[in-house]
């Protein structure tokens, strides 16, 4: 009698490990700053510029970081909820066990960064950019990623679940083991990079015109 195989449930990103009590965070955002076990409410930290900032075991709720530029920042065990991160610029950053929920990331640029155990859920991230970044055990769930840019990113094993990826750019991305389910893929660019990705039949129709264009095939009505 043949052995039955049980479908393996995809691994969820490790959740942030936050202490039960957090100290109130302040609006100080300077070079080489270290922020430990702090909770940030609706503070306005937008338009700042800093290097080598570290956030460890911190929570952000409705905090504004719009237009802020952080270089070599580190986020470990951090949760963002309902935050305005539009046009936030993270360069050479490290994000580990980080959750971003219900937040605005329009125009956000996370460049040349490393993301591990990160969950983006219910976020507006249109026109965002993750160029040259490396992902490990990362999930985008119920996100608007219209015209997002993943050029040259390593998306091995990343999951996109019920995301809007219309017009997203994937040129020269590594997508072996990338899984997409329930996603709008109409007009995606760099479709050649989808080699090794897993796409259900219901989603594959959205790739039809992109594949045809890449192969110089004319589709007539």
N, C-alpha and C. Protein backbone atom coordinates (compact mmCIF):
# COMPACT_ATOMS: atom_id res chain seq x y z
N UNK A 1 0.86 -1.19 0.00
CA UNK A 1 0.00 0.00 0.00
C UNK A 1 0.90 1.24 0.00
N UNK A 2 0.75 2.11 -1.00
CA UNK A 2 1.64 3.26 -1.08
C UNK A 2 1.45 4.21 0.09
N UNK A 3 2.57 4.78 0.52
CA UNK A 3 2.51 5.74 1.63
C UNK A 3 1.85 7.03 1.18
N UNK A 4 1.05 7.59 2.05
CA UNK A 4 0.39 8.85 1.72
C UNK A 4 1.31 10.01 2.07
N UNK A 5 1.31 11.00 1.21
CA UNK A 5 2.13 12.18 1.46
C UNK A 5 1.24 13.33 1.90
N UNK A 6 1.66 14.01 2.90
CA UNK A 6 0.89 15.13 3.43
C UNK A 6 1.51 16.44 2.93
N UNK A 7 0.66 17.31 2.42
CA UNK A 7 1.16 18.58 1.90
C UNK A 7 1.86 19.37 3.01
N UNK A 8 3.03 19.89 2.67
CA UNK A 8 3.78 20.67 3.64
C UNK A 8 3.25 22.09 3.68
N UNK A 9 2.91 22.55 4.87
CA UNK A 9 2.40 23.90 5.01
C UNK A 9 3.56 24.88 4.93
N UNK A 10 3.42 25.93 4.11
CA UNK A 10 4.51 26.89 3.99
C UNK A 10 4.87 27.48 5.34
N UNK A 11 6.15 27.67 5.54
CA UNK A 11 6.65 28.20 6.80
C UNK A 11 6.37 29.69 6.90
N UNK A 12 5.80 30.10 8.02
CA UNK A 12 5.55 31.52 8.25
C UNK A 12 6.83 32.20 8.73
N UNK A 13 7.01 33.47 8.39
CA UNK A 13 8.15 34.20 8.96
C UNK A 13 8.07 34.22 10.47
N UNK A 14 9.20 34.11 11.12
CA UNK A 14 9.22 34.20 12.58
C UNK A 14 8.71 35.57 13.02
N UNK A 15 7.81 35.59 13.98
CA UNK A 15 7.23 36.85 14.45
C UNK A 15 8.22 37.60 15.33
N UNK A 16 8.08 38.94 15.38
CA UNK A 16 8.94 39.72 16.27
C UNK A 16 8.79 39.27 17.72
N UNK A 17 9.90 39.21 18.43
CA UNK A 17 9.89 38.86 19.85
C UNK A 17 9.94 40.16 20.65
N UNK A 18 8.79 40.56 21.14
CA UNK A 18 8.68 41.82 21.86
C UNK A 18 8.42 41.58 23.34
N UNK A 19 9.07 42.34 24.22
CA UNK A 19 8.82 42.18 25.66
C UNK A 19 7.43 42.67 26.03
N UNK A 20 6.93 42.24 27.18
CA UNK A 20 5.60 42.64 27.61
C UNK A 20 5.49 44.12 27.90
N UNK A 21 6.57 44.72 28.33
CA UNK A 21 6.57 46.15 28.66
C UNK A 21 7.60 46.87 27.81
N UNK A 22 7.15 47.96 27.17
CA UNK A 22 8.05 48.76 26.33
C UNK A 22 8.09 50.19 26.86
N UNK A 23 9.26 50.77 26.85
CA UNK A 23 9.40 52.17 27.27
C UNK A 23 8.95 53.09 26.16
N UNK A 24 8.41 54.27 26.48
CA UNK A 24 8.01 55.21 25.43
C UNK A 24 9.20 55.63 24.59
N UNK A 25 9.04 55.59 23.26
CA UNK A 25 10.10 56.04 22.37
C UNK A 25 10.07 57.55 22.23
N UNK A 26 11.21 58.13 21.86
CA UNK A 26 11.26 59.58 21.67
C UNK A 26 11.48 59.89 20.20
N UNK A 27 11.61 61.18 19.90
CA UNK A 27 11.74 61.58 18.50
C UNK A 27 13.20 61.80 18.11
N UNK A 28 14.13 61.24 18.87
CA UNK A 28 15.55 61.36 18.56
C UNK A 28 15.93 60.30 17.52
N UNK A 29 16.43 60.75 16.40
CA UNK A 29 16.85 59.84 15.33
C UNK A 29 18.17 60.37 14.78
N UNK A 30 19.27 59.89 15.36
CA UNK A 30 20.58 60.41 15.02
C UNK A 30 21.52 59.28 14.63
N UNK A 31 22.66 59.63 14.05
CA UNK A 31 23.67 58.65 13.66
C UNK A 31 24.09 57.80 14.86
N UNK A 32 24.28 56.50 14.60
CA UNK A 32 24.77 55.55 15.61
C UNK A 32 23.83 55.39 16.81
N UNK A 33 22.58 55.78 16.64
CA UNK A 33 21.63 55.64 17.74
C UNK A 33 21.21 54.19 17.94
N UNK A 34 21.05 53.78 19.19
CA UNK A 34 20.59 52.42 19.53
C UNK A 34 19.31 52.56 20.33
N UNK A 35 18.24 51.95 19.83
CA UNK A 35 16.92 52.08 20.45
C UNK A 35 16.45 50.68 20.86
N UNK A 36 16.31 50.47 22.16
CA UNK A 36 15.99 49.14 22.69
C UNK A 36 14.66 49.15 23.42
N UNK A 37 13.82 48.14 23.13
CA UNK A 37 12.57 47.91 23.86
C UNK A 37 11.75 49.18 24.03
N UNK A 38 11.49 49.85 22.89
CA UNK A 38 10.75 51.11 22.91
C UNK A 38 9.47 50.99 22.09
N UNK A 39 8.46 51.76 22.49
CA UNK A 39 7.21 51.81 21.73
C UNK A 39 7.01 53.24 21.23
N UNK A 40 6.82 53.35 19.91
CA UNK A 40 6.64 54.65 19.27
C UNK A 40 5.19 54.78 18.84
N UNK A 41 4.56 55.85 19.29
CA UNK A 41 3.19 56.12 18.90
C UNK A 41 3.15 57.01 17.67
N UNK A 42 2.17 57.89 17.57
CA UNK A 42 2.03 58.75 16.39
C UNK A 42 3.03 59.90 16.36
N UNK A 43 4.31 59.57 16.48
CA UNK A 43 5.36 60.58 16.39
C UNK A 43 5.65 60.90 14.93
N UNK A 44 6.13 62.10 14.68
CA UNK A 44 6.52 62.49 13.33
C UNK A 44 8.04 62.44 13.22
N UNK A 45 8.53 61.35 12.63
CA UNK A 45 9.96 61.18 12.41
C UNK A 45 10.28 61.31 10.93
N UNK A 46 9.43 62.01 10.20
CA UNK A 46 9.59 62.12 8.75
C UNK A 46 10.70 63.09 8.39
N UNK A 47 11.29 62.87 7.20
CA UNK A 47 12.29 63.78 6.67
C UNK A 47 13.62 63.77 7.39
N UNK A 48 13.89 62.74 8.20
CA UNK A 48 15.16 62.67 8.92
C UNK A 48 16.23 62.01 8.03
N UNK A 49 17.48 62.08 8.48
CA UNK A 49 18.60 61.50 7.76
C UNK A 49 19.59 60.98 8.79
N UNK A 50 19.85 59.67 8.79
CA UNK A 50 20.75 59.11 9.80
C UNK A 50 21.44 57.85 9.28
N UNK A 51 22.57 57.52 9.90
CA UNK A 51 23.33 56.34 9.54
C UNK A 51 23.52 55.44 10.77
N UNK A 52 23.63 54.14 10.49
CA UNK A 52 23.98 53.15 11.52
C UNK A 52 23.05 53.22 12.74
N UNK A 53 21.75 53.33 12.47
CA UNK A 53 20.76 53.35 13.54
C UNK A 53 20.27 51.92 13.79
N UNK A 54 20.07 51.57 15.04
CA UNK A 54 19.64 50.22 15.40
C UNK A 54 18.35 50.27 16.22
N UNK A 55 17.37 49.47 15.79
CA UNK A 55 16.13 49.31 16.54
C UNK A 55 16.00 47.84 16.93
N UNK A 56 15.91 47.56 18.20
CA UNK A 56 15.84 46.19 18.69
C UNK A 56 14.66 46.07 19.65
N UNK A 57 13.73 45.14 19.35
CA UNK A 57 12.54 44.89 20.17
C UNK A 57 11.74 46.18 20.34
N UNK A 58 11.33 46.76 19.21
CA UNK A 58 10.58 48.01 19.22
C UNK A 58 9.26 47.86 18.47
N UNK A 59 8.29 48.67 18.87
CA UNK A 59 6.99 48.69 18.19
C UNK A 59 6.68 50.12 17.75
N UNK A 60 6.22 50.22 16.49
CA UNK A 60 5.79 51.51 15.94
C UNK A 60 4.30 51.43 15.64
N UNK A 61 3.52 52.37 16.17
CA UNK A 61 2.08 52.44 15.90
C UNK A 61 1.74 53.83 15.36
N UNK A 62 1.28 53.88 14.12
CA UNK A 62 0.87 55.13 13.48
C UNK A 62 2.01 56.16 13.48
N UNK A 63 3.22 55.68 13.43
CA UNK A 63 4.39 56.56 13.40
C UNK A 63 4.67 57.00 11.97
N UNK A 64 5.11 58.25 11.80
CA UNK A 64 5.43 58.77 10.47
C UNK A 64 6.94 58.76 10.26
N UNK A 65 7.36 58.02 9.24
CA UNK A 65 8.76 58.00 8.81
C UNK A 65 8.85 58.37 7.34
N UNK A 66 7.85 59.09 6.85
CA UNK A 66 7.78 59.43 5.43
C UNK A 66 8.98 60.29 5.03
N UNK A 67 9.64 59.87 3.94
CA UNK A 67 10.75 60.65 3.40
C UNK A 67 12.03 60.57 4.20
N UNK A 68 12.07 59.75 5.23
CA UNK A 68 13.28 59.61 6.04
C UNK A 68 14.29 58.71 5.30
N UNK A 69 15.59 59.03 5.43
CA UNK A 69 16.65 58.26 4.79
C UNK A 69 17.55 57.65 5.86
N UNK A 70 17.63 56.33 5.90
CA UNK A 70 18.46 55.62 6.88
C UNK A 70 19.44 54.71 6.14
N UNK A 71 20.71 54.86 6.44
CA UNK A 71 21.74 54.03 5.83
C UNK A 71 22.33 53.08 6.88
N UNK A 72 22.43 51.82 6.47
CA UNK A 72 22.95 50.75 7.34
C UNK A 72 22.16 50.63 8.64
N UNK A 73 20.86 50.83 8.55
CA UNK A 73 20.00 50.66 9.73
C UNK A 73 19.73 49.17 9.97
N UNK A 74 19.50 48.83 11.24
CA UNK A 74 19.17 47.45 11.60
C UNK A 74 17.87 47.43 12.40
N UNK A 75 16.95 46.55 11.95
CA UNK A 75 15.67 46.37 12.63
C UNK A 75 15.58 44.89 13.04
N UNK A 76 15.56 44.62 14.31
CA UNK A 76 15.45 43.24 14.81
C UNK A 76 14.31 43.16 15.81
N UNK A 77 13.38 42.24 15.58
CA UNK A 77 12.20 42.10 16.43
C UNK A 77 11.45 43.43 16.52
N UNK A 78 11.00 43.89 15.35
CA UNK A 78 10.32 45.18 15.23
C UNK A 78 8.97 44.99 14.57
N UNK A 79 7.95 45.70 15.06
CA UNK A 79 6.61 45.65 14.48
C UNK A 79 6.16 47.05 14.10
N UNK A 80 5.69 47.20 12.86
CA UNK A 80 5.10 48.44 12.38
C UNK A 80 3.62 48.21 12.15
N UNK A 81 2.76 49.03 12.73
CA UNK A 81 1.32 48.91 12.54
C UNK A 81 0.73 50.28 12.19
N UNK A 82 0.06 50.35 11.04
CA UNK A 82 -0.60 51.59 10.64
C UNK A 82 0.35 52.77 10.49
N UNK A 83 1.55 52.52 10.03
CA UNK A 83 2.56 53.58 9.94
C UNK A 83 2.61 54.19 8.53
N UNK A 84 3.09 55.43 8.47
CA UNK A 84 3.31 56.09 7.19
C UNK A 84 4.80 56.00 6.87
N UNK A 85 5.13 55.07 5.98
CA UNK A 85 6.51 54.84 5.57
C UNK A 85 6.72 55.25 4.11
N UNK A 86 5.84 56.08 3.59
CA UNK A 86 5.93 56.50 2.19
C UNK A 86 7.26 57.20 1.94
N UNK A 87 7.92 56.79 0.84
CA UNK A 87 9.19 57.39 0.42
C UNK A 87 10.31 57.23 1.46
N UNK A 88 10.13 56.34 2.41
CA UNK A 88 11.22 55.98 3.30
C UNK A 88 12.34 55.34 2.47
N UNK A 89 13.58 55.70 2.75
CA UNK A 89 14.71 55.15 2.01
C UNK A 89 15.62 54.39 2.97
N UNK A 90 15.71 53.09 2.77
CA UNK A 90 16.61 52.24 3.54
C UNK A 90 17.68 51.71 2.60
N UNK A 91 18.92 52.01 2.88
CA UNK A 91 20.04 51.57 2.05
C UNK A 91 20.97 50.69 2.88
N UNK A 92 21.28 49.51 2.34
CA UNK A 92 22.15 48.56 3.04
C UNK A 92 21.62 48.29 4.45
N UNK A 93 20.32 48.08 4.56
CA UNK A 93 19.69 47.85 5.86
C UNK A 93 19.58 46.35 6.15
N UNK A 94 19.30 46.03 7.41
CA UNK A 94 19.08 44.65 7.83
C UNK A 94 17.76 44.60 8.59
N UNK A 95 16.83 43.75 8.11
CA UNK A 95 15.54 43.58 8.77
C UNK A 95 15.39 42.10 9.13
N UNK A 96 15.22 41.81 10.41
CA UNK A 96 15.12 40.44 10.89
C UNK A 96 13.97 40.33 11.89
N UNK A 97 13.12 39.35 11.68
CA UNK A 97 11.91 39.18 12.50
C UNK A 97 11.18 40.51 12.62
N UNK A 98 10.71 40.99 11.47
CA UNK A 98 10.03 42.27 11.40
C UNK A 98 8.67 42.09 10.74
N UNK A 99 7.64 42.74 11.28
CA UNK A 99 6.29 42.67 10.72
C UNK A 99 5.82 44.08 10.38
N UNK A 100 5.30 44.24 9.16
CA UNK A 100 4.79 45.53 8.71
C UNK A 100 3.33 45.31 8.32
N UNK A 101 2.41 45.89 9.10
CA UNK A 101 0.99 45.61 8.90
C UNK A 101 0.20 46.91 8.71
N UNK A 102 -0.68 46.91 7.71
CA UNK A 102 -1.59 48.02 7.51
C UNK A 102 -0.89 49.35 7.34
N UNK A 103 0.26 49.35 6.72
CA UNK A 103 1.06 50.56 6.61
C UNK A 103 1.19 51.03 5.17
N UNK A 104 1.53 52.30 5.01
CA UNK A 104 1.69 52.90 3.68
C UNK A 104 3.17 52.92 3.32
N UNK A 105 3.52 52.27 2.21
CA UNK A 105 4.89 52.22 1.73
C UNK A 105 5.00 52.74 0.30
N UNK A 106 4.11 53.60 -0.11
CA UNK A 106 4.16 54.15 -1.46
C UNK A 106 5.52 54.84 -1.69
N UNK A 107 6.22 54.40 -2.72
CA UNK A 107 7.50 55.01 -3.06
C UNK A 107 8.65 54.64 -2.14
N UNK A 108 8.42 53.75 -1.18
CA UNK A 108 9.49 53.33 -0.28
C UNK A 108 10.58 52.61 -1.06
N UNK A 109 11.85 52.87 -0.73
CA UNK A 109 12.97 52.23 -1.41
C UNK A 109 13.83 51.49 -0.39
N UNK A 110 13.88 50.17 -0.52
CA UNK A 110 14.72 49.33 0.33
C UNK A 110 15.78 48.74 -0.60
N UNK A 111 16.94 49.35 -0.64
CA UNK A 111 17.95 49.05 -1.66
C UNK A 111 19.16 48.34 -1.07
N UNK A 112 19.58 47.26 -1.74
CA UNK A 112 20.78 46.55 -1.32
C UNK A 112 20.71 46.07 0.12
N UNK A 113 19.53 45.65 0.54
CA UNK A 113 19.31 45.29 1.94
C UNK A 113 19.06 43.80 2.10
N UNK A 114 19.09 43.33 3.34
CA UNK A 114 18.84 41.92 3.65
C UNK A 114 17.61 41.82 4.53
N UNK A 115 16.62 41.04 4.07
CA UNK A 115 15.37 40.86 4.81
C UNK A 115 15.22 39.39 5.14
N UNK A 116 15.06 39.09 6.41
CA UNK A 116 14.91 37.70 6.85
C UNK A 116 13.78 37.61 7.86
N UNK A 117 12.87 36.68 7.63
CA UNK A 117 11.70 36.53 8.50
C UNK A 117 10.95 37.85 8.62
N UNK A 118 10.45 38.32 7.47
CA UNK A 118 9.71 39.58 7.42
C UNK A 118 8.35 39.33 6.79
N UNK A 119 7.30 39.87 7.41
CA UNK A 119 5.95 39.76 6.88
C UNK A 119 5.41 41.15 6.58
N UNK A 120 5.01 41.37 5.31
CA UNK A 120 4.29 42.57 4.92
C UNK A 120 2.85 42.18 4.72
N UNK A 121 1.93 42.75 5.47
CA UNK A 121 0.52 42.37 5.33
C UNK A 121 -0.36 43.61 5.22
N UNK A 122 -1.29 43.55 4.27
CA UNK A 122 -2.29 44.60 4.10
C UNK A 122 -1.64 45.98 3.98
N UNK A 123 -0.60 46.05 3.16
CA UNK A 123 0.13 47.31 2.99
C UNK A 123 -0.09 47.88 1.59
N UNK A 124 -0.09 49.21 1.51
CA UNK A 124 -0.08 49.88 0.22
C UNK A 124 1.38 50.18 -0.11
N UNK A 125 1.92 49.45 -1.08
CA UNK A 125 3.33 49.57 -1.41
C UNK A 125 3.53 49.81 -2.90
N UNK A 126 2.61 50.54 -3.52
CA UNK A 126 2.76 50.85 -4.93
C UNK A 126 3.98 51.74 -5.13
N UNK A 127 4.65 51.56 -6.26
CA UNK A 127 5.84 52.33 -6.62
C UNK A 127 7.00 52.12 -5.65
N UNK A 128 6.92 51.10 -4.82
CA UNK A 128 8.02 50.79 -3.92
C UNK A 128 9.15 50.11 -4.69
N UNK A 129 10.33 50.07 -4.09
CA UNK A 129 11.49 49.48 -4.74
C UNK A 129 12.28 48.64 -3.75
N UNK A 130 12.64 47.43 -4.18
CA UNK A 130 13.46 46.52 -3.38
C UNK A 130 14.65 46.06 -4.20
N UNK A 131 15.19 46.94 -5.03
CA UNK A 131 16.26 46.58 -5.96
C UNK A 131 17.51 46.11 -5.20
N UNK A 132 18.12 45.05 -5.73
CA UNK A 132 19.38 44.51 -5.23
C UNK A 132 19.29 44.00 -3.78
N UNK A 133 18.09 43.76 -3.29
CA UNK A 133 17.93 43.26 -1.92
C UNK A 133 17.83 41.74 -1.91
N UNK A 134 18.11 41.15 -0.76
CA UNK A 134 18.10 39.70 -0.59
C UNK A 134 17.03 39.32 0.43
N UNK A 135 16.20 38.35 0.06
CA UNK A 135 15.06 37.96 0.88
C UNK A 135 15.21 36.51 1.33
N UNK A 136 14.89 36.25 2.59
CA UNK A 136 14.86 34.88 3.08
C UNK A 136 13.67 34.73 4.02
N UNK A 137 12.77 33.83 3.66
CA UNK A 137 11.55 33.58 4.43
C UNK A 137 10.75 34.87 4.62
N UNK A 138 10.40 35.48 3.50
CA UNK A 138 9.65 36.74 3.48
C UNK A 138 8.32 36.52 2.79
N UNK A 139 7.25 37.12 3.33
CA UNK A 139 5.91 36.99 2.74
C UNK A 139 5.32 38.38 2.53
N UNK A 140 4.76 38.60 1.33
CA UNK A 140 3.92 39.76 1.04
C UNK A 140 2.50 39.25 0.95
N UNK A 141 1.61 39.73 1.81
CA UNK A 141 0.24 39.20 1.88
C UNK A 141 -0.76 40.35 1.80
N UNK A 142 -1.67 40.26 0.82
CA UNK A 142 -2.73 41.26 0.66
C UNK A 142 -2.15 42.67 0.52
N UNK A 143 -1.12 42.79 -0.30
CA UNK A 143 -0.46 44.08 -0.50
C UNK A 143 -0.67 44.61 -1.91
N UNK A 144 -0.75 45.92 -2.02
CA UNK A 144 -0.80 46.58 -3.33
C UNK A 144 0.63 46.91 -3.73
N UNK A 145 1.18 46.14 -4.66
CA UNK A 145 2.55 46.30 -5.13
C UNK A 145 2.57 46.76 -6.59
N UNK A 146 1.57 47.53 -6.99
CA UNK A 146 1.50 48.05 -8.35
C UNK A 146 2.77 48.84 -8.67
N UNK A 147 3.40 48.48 -9.80
CA UNK A 147 4.60 49.17 -10.28
C UNK A 147 5.76 49.09 -9.29
N UNK A 148 5.77 48.08 -8.43
CA UNK A 148 6.91 47.88 -7.54
C UNK A 148 8.11 47.40 -8.34
N UNK A 149 9.31 47.61 -7.81
CA UNK A 149 10.53 47.27 -8.53
C UNK A 149 11.35 46.27 -7.71
N UNK A 150 11.49 45.04 -8.25
CA UNK A 150 12.30 44.00 -7.63
C UNK A 150 13.51 43.66 -8.51
N UNK A 151 13.96 44.61 -9.27
CA UNK A 151 15.07 44.37 -10.20
C UNK A 151 16.32 43.93 -9.45
N UNK A 152 16.96 42.86 -9.94
CA UNK A 152 18.21 42.33 -9.40
C UNK A 152 18.06 41.82 -7.96
N UNK A 153 16.84 41.64 -7.47
CA UNK A 153 16.64 41.15 -6.11
C UNK A 153 16.70 39.62 -6.08
N UNK A 154 17.11 39.06 -4.96
CA UNK A 154 17.08 37.62 -4.76
C UNK A 154 15.79 37.29 -4.01
N UNK A 155 14.80 36.79 -4.76
CA UNK A 155 13.48 36.49 -4.21
C UNK A 155 13.28 34.99 -3.99
N UNK A 156 14.36 34.25 -3.86
CA UNK A 156 14.26 32.80 -3.67
C UNK A 156 13.39 32.48 -2.46
N UNK A 157 12.32 31.74 -2.69
CA UNK A 157 11.47 31.31 -1.60
C UNK A 157 10.49 32.34 -1.08
N UNK A 158 10.47 33.56 -1.65
CA UNK A 158 9.51 34.57 -1.22
C UNK A 158 8.11 34.16 -1.63
N UNK A 159 7.09 34.49 -0.81
CA UNK A 159 5.71 34.22 -1.16
C UNK A 159 4.95 35.53 -1.34
N UNK A 160 4.24 35.63 -2.46
CA UNK A 160 3.31 36.73 -2.72
C UNK A 160 1.91 36.14 -2.66
N UNK A 161 1.12 36.56 -1.71
CA UNK A 161 -0.22 36.00 -1.53
C UNK A 161 -1.27 37.10 -1.68
N UNK A 162 -2.15 36.93 -2.66
CA UNK A 162 -3.25 37.87 -2.90
C UNK A 162 -2.74 39.32 -3.03
N UNK A 163 -1.69 39.47 -3.80
CA UNK A 163 -1.09 40.79 -3.99
C UNK A 163 -1.38 41.34 -5.39
N UNK A 164 -1.44 42.64 -5.48
CA UNK A 164 -1.59 43.30 -6.77
C UNK A 164 -0.20 43.65 -7.27
N UNK A 165 0.23 42.98 -8.34
CA UNK A 165 1.57 43.16 -8.89
C UNK A 165 1.54 43.74 -10.30
N UNK A 166 0.45 44.41 -10.64
CA UNK A 166 0.31 45.01 -11.97
C UNK A 166 1.49 45.92 -12.26
N UNK A 167 2.17 45.66 -13.37
CA UNK A 167 3.28 46.51 -13.82
C UNK A 167 4.55 46.38 -13.00
N UNK A 168 4.61 45.42 -12.09
CA UNK A 168 5.81 45.26 -11.27
C UNK A 168 7.00 44.83 -12.12
N UNK A 169 8.19 45.26 -11.73
CA UNK A 169 9.42 45.00 -12.48
C UNK A 169 10.23 43.91 -11.78
N UNK A 170 10.54 42.83 -12.53
CA UNK A 170 11.32 41.71 -11.98
C UNK A 170 12.58 41.43 -12.79
N UNK A 171 13.04 42.36 -13.59
CA UNK A 171 14.19 42.11 -14.46
C UNK A 171 15.40 41.66 -13.65
N UNK A 172 16.00 40.55 -14.10
CA UNK A 172 17.22 40.00 -13.52
C UNK A 172 17.07 39.60 -12.05
N UNK A 173 15.84 39.40 -11.61
CA UNK A 173 15.63 38.90 -10.25
C UNK A 173 15.84 37.39 -10.22
N UNK A 174 16.22 36.87 -9.06
CA UNK A 174 16.34 35.43 -8.85
C UNK A 174 15.03 34.98 -8.21
N UNK A 175 14.30 34.08 -8.89
CA UNK A 175 12.97 33.72 -8.42
C UNK A 175 12.78 32.21 -8.27
N UNK A 176 13.86 31.49 -8.10
CA UNK A 176 13.74 30.05 -7.89
C UNK A 176 13.01 29.78 -6.58
N UNK A 177 11.89 29.09 -6.67
CA UNK A 177 11.11 28.78 -5.48
C UNK A 177 10.17 29.88 -5.03
N UNK A 178 10.16 31.02 -5.73
CA UNK A 178 9.19 32.07 -5.41
C UNK A 178 7.79 31.54 -5.69
N UNK A 179 6.86 31.77 -4.78
CA UNK A 179 5.49 31.28 -4.95
C UNK A 179 4.54 32.46 -5.00
N UNK A 180 3.66 32.45 -6.00
CA UNK A 180 2.65 33.49 -6.14
C UNK A 180 1.28 32.83 -6.16
N UNK A 181 0.35 33.35 -5.37
CA UNK A 181 -0.99 32.77 -5.33
C UNK A 181 -2.02 33.88 -5.16
N UNK A 182 -3.06 33.84 -5.99
CA UNK A 182 -4.12 34.82 -5.91
C UNK A 182 -3.66 36.23 -6.25
N UNK A 183 -2.65 36.34 -7.12
CA UNK A 183 -2.06 37.65 -7.44
C UNK A 183 -2.49 38.15 -8.82
N UNK A 184 -2.56 39.47 -8.95
CA UNK A 184 -2.81 40.12 -10.23
C UNK A 184 -1.46 40.37 -10.88
N UNK A 185 -1.17 39.65 -11.97
CA UNK A 185 0.14 39.71 -12.61
C UNK A 185 0.10 40.39 -13.97
N UNK A 186 -0.99 41.07 -14.28
CA UNK A 186 -1.09 41.71 -15.59
C UNK A 186 -0.04 42.80 -15.73
N UNK A 187 0.67 42.74 -16.85
CA UNK A 187 1.63 43.79 -17.17
C UNK A 187 2.94 43.71 -16.42
N UNK A 188 3.23 42.57 -15.76
CA UNK A 188 4.52 42.47 -15.07
C UNK A 188 5.65 42.55 -16.10
N UNK A 189 6.78 43.09 -15.67
CA UNK A 189 7.94 43.21 -16.55
C UNK A 189 9.08 42.35 -16.05
N UNK A 190 9.96 41.97 -16.97
CA UNK A 190 11.03 41.07 -16.61
C UNK A 190 10.55 39.65 -16.39
N UNK A 191 9.57 39.25 -17.21
CA UNK A 191 8.94 37.94 -17.02
C UNK A 191 9.93 36.80 -17.20
N UNK A 192 11.04 37.04 -17.91
CA UNK A 192 12.05 35.98 -18.08
C UNK A 192 12.60 35.53 -16.73
N UNK A 193 12.54 36.38 -15.75
CA UNK A 193 13.08 36.04 -14.43
C UNK A 193 12.19 35.09 -13.65
N UNK A 194 11.00 34.77 -14.18
CA UNK A 194 10.08 33.89 -13.47
C UNK A 194 10.49 32.42 -13.55
N UNK A 195 11.61 32.13 -14.19
CA UNK A 195 12.09 30.75 -14.26
C UNK A 195 12.30 30.22 -12.85
N UNK A 196 11.66 29.09 -12.56
CA UNK A 196 11.77 28.48 -11.23
C UNK A 196 10.69 28.91 -10.26
N UNK A 197 9.87 29.90 -10.65
CA UNK A 197 8.78 30.35 -9.77
C UNK A 197 7.60 29.38 -9.87
N UNK A 198 6.74 29.40 -8.86
CA UNK A 198 5.54 28.55 -8.84
C UNK A 198 4.33 29.47 -8.91
N UNK A 199 3.54 29.30 -9.99
CA UNK A 199 2.38 30.16 -10.23
C UNK A 199 1.17 29.27 -10.50
N UNK A 200 0.08 29.40 -9.77
CA UNK A 200 -1.10 28.57 -10.04
C UNK A 200 -1.74 28.94 -11.37
N UNK A 201 -2.49 28.00 -11.93
CA UNK A 201 -3.09 28.21 -13.25
C UNK A 201 -3.96 29.46 -13.28
N UNK A 202 -4.67 29.73 -12.20
CA UNK A 202 -5.57 30.89 -12.19
C UNK A 202 -4.81 32.20 -12.32
N UNK A 203 -3.58 32.24 -11.83
CA UNK A 203 -2.78 33.46 -11.91
C UNK A 203 -2.00 33.56 -13.22
N UNK A 204 -1.72 32.40 -13.82
CA UNK A 204 -0.85 32.38 -14.98
C UNK A 204 -1.41 33.16 -16.17
N UNK A 205 -2.73 33.30 -16.23
CA UNK A 205 -3.32 34.03 -17.34
C UNK A 205 -2.79 35.47 -17.39
N UNK A 206 -2.51 36.03 -16.22
CA UNK A 206 -2.01 37.38 -16.17
C UNK A 206 -0.63 37.52 -16.77
N UNK A 207 0.10 36.40 -16.89
CA UNK A 207 1.43 36.42 -17.47
C UNK A 207 1.41 36.27 -18.98
N UNK A 208 0.25 35.94 -19.55
CA UNK A 208 0.16 35.60 -20.97
C UNK A 208 0.74 36.69 -21.86
N UNK A 209 0.27 37.93 -21.69
CA UNK A 209 0.72 38.98 -22.59
C UNK A 209 2.18 39.34 -22.35
N UNK A 210 2.62 39.27 -21.10
CA UNK A 210 4.03 39.55 -20.82
C UNK A 210 4.92 38.49 -21.45
N UNK A 211 4.52 37.24 -21.38
CA UNK A 211 5.29 36.16 -22.01
C UNK A 211 5.29 36.31 -23.52
N UNK A 212 4.14 36.64 -24.06
CA UNK A 212 4.04 36.82 -25.52
C UNK A 212 4.94 37.94 -25.99
N UNK A 213 4.96 39.05 -25.28
CA UNK A 213 5.81 40.18 -25.66
C UNK A 213 7.27 39.79 -25.58
N UNK A 214 7.66 39.03 -24.54
CA UNK A 214 9.05 38.62 -24.39
C UNK A 214 9.50 37.70 -25.50
N UNK A 215 8.55 36.95 -26.08
CA UNK A 215 8.88 36.00 -27.15
C UNK A 215 8.52 36.54 -28.53
N UNK A 216 8.16 37.83 -28.58
CA UNK A 216 7.80 38.50 -29.84
C UNK A 216 6.66 37.78 -30.53
N UNK A 217 5.66 37.39 -29.75
CA UNK A 217 4.45 36.74 -30.28
C UNK A 217 3.33 37.77 -30.31
N UNK A 218 2.65 37.85 -31.43
CA UNK A 218 1.50 38.75 -31.55
C UNK A 218 0.22 37.99 -31.26
N UNK A 219 -0.56 38.50 -30.31
CA UNK A 219 -1.83 37.86 -29.96
C UNK A 219 -2.95 38.68 -30.60
N UNK A 220 -3.72 38.04 -31.46
CA UNK A 220 -4.83 38.73 -32.13
C UNK A 220 -6.16 38.40 -31.47
N UNK A 221 -7.10 39.34 -31.56
CA UNK A 221 -8.45 39.10 -31.06
C UNK A 221 -9.16 38.08 -31.94
